[in-house]
Amino acid sequence: MEPTKKNKPNSLVIILFALIVLMIIIYFILVMFFPTVFDLMNTGDIQPVPDK
């Protein structure tokens, strides 16, 4: 019996997926420890346009 070759993803795909997961975890850690930083960020609220 010959060993079957397993279908493994490319190492670049694994690294990119791990980086995305790591960035999400770091984001939640930052939100827990530094909530004021994210409270001061601009959220893109609608502002009135001044008349000319």
Protein backbone atom coordinates (compact mmCIF):
# COMPACT_ATOMS: atom_id res chain seq x y z
CA MET A 1 0.00 0.00 0.00
CA GLU A 2 1.39 3.37 -1.06
CA PRO A 3 1.02 6.34 1.32
CA THR A 4 -1.56 8.76 0.02
CA LYS A 5 -0.42 12.34 -0.45
CA LYS A 6 -2.43 14.63 1.79
CA ASN A 7 -3.87 17.85 0.41
CA LYS A 8 -2.06 20.48 2.50
CA PRO A 9 -2.63 24.22 2.03
CA ASN A 10 0.24 26.46 1.03
CA SER A 11 2.38 27.81 3.87
CA LEU A 12 1.57 31.38 2.80
CA VAL A 13 -2.14 30.69 3.25
CA ILE A 14 -1.50 29.33 6.75
CA ILE A 15 0.61 32.38 7.69
CA LEU A 16 -2.01 34.84 6.39
CA PHE A 17 -4.82 33.05 8.24
CA ALA A 18 -2.77 33.02 11.46
CA LEU A 19 -2.03 36.75 11.09
CA ILE A 20 -5.72 37.57 10.68
CA VAL A 21 -6.61 35.55 13.80
CA LEU A 22 -3.75 37.19 15.73
CA MET A 23 -4.89 40.68 14.70
CA ILE A 24 -8.45 39.96 15.88
CA ILE A 25 -7.16 38.69 19.25
CA ILE A 26 -4.89 41.74 19.67
CA TYR A 27 -7.82 44.03 18.83
CA PHE A 28 -9.98 42.53 21.57
CA ILE A 29 -7.11 42.74 24.08
CA LEU A 30 -6.61 46.43 23.22
CA VAL A 31 -10.34 47.13 23.56
CA MET A 32 -10.34 45.49 27.00
CA PHE A 33 -7.31 47.37 28.36
CA PHE A 34 -7.56 50.70 26.48
CA PRO A 35 -11.25 51.46 25.84
CA THR A 36 -10.70 55.24 25.80
CA VAL A 37 -8.52 55.00 22.69
CA PHE A 38 -11.41 53.51 20.74
CA ASP A 39 -13.98 55.86 22.27
CA LEU A 40 -12.08 58.90 20.93
CA MET A 41 -11.87 57.55 17.38
CA ASN A 42 -14.01 59.14 14.67
CA THR A 43 -16.93 56.86 13.83
CA GLY A 44 -18.02 58.73 10.71
CA ASP A 45 -21.22 60.17 12.17
CA ILE A 46 -23.32 62.31 9.85
CA GLN A 47 -22.61 65.99 10.38
CA PRO A 48 -24.66 68.90 9.08
CA VAL A 49 -23.34 70.69 6.03
CA PRO A 50 -22.88 74.44 6.68
CA ASP A 51 -24.86 76.79 4.46
CA LYS A 52 -22.83 78.93 2.06
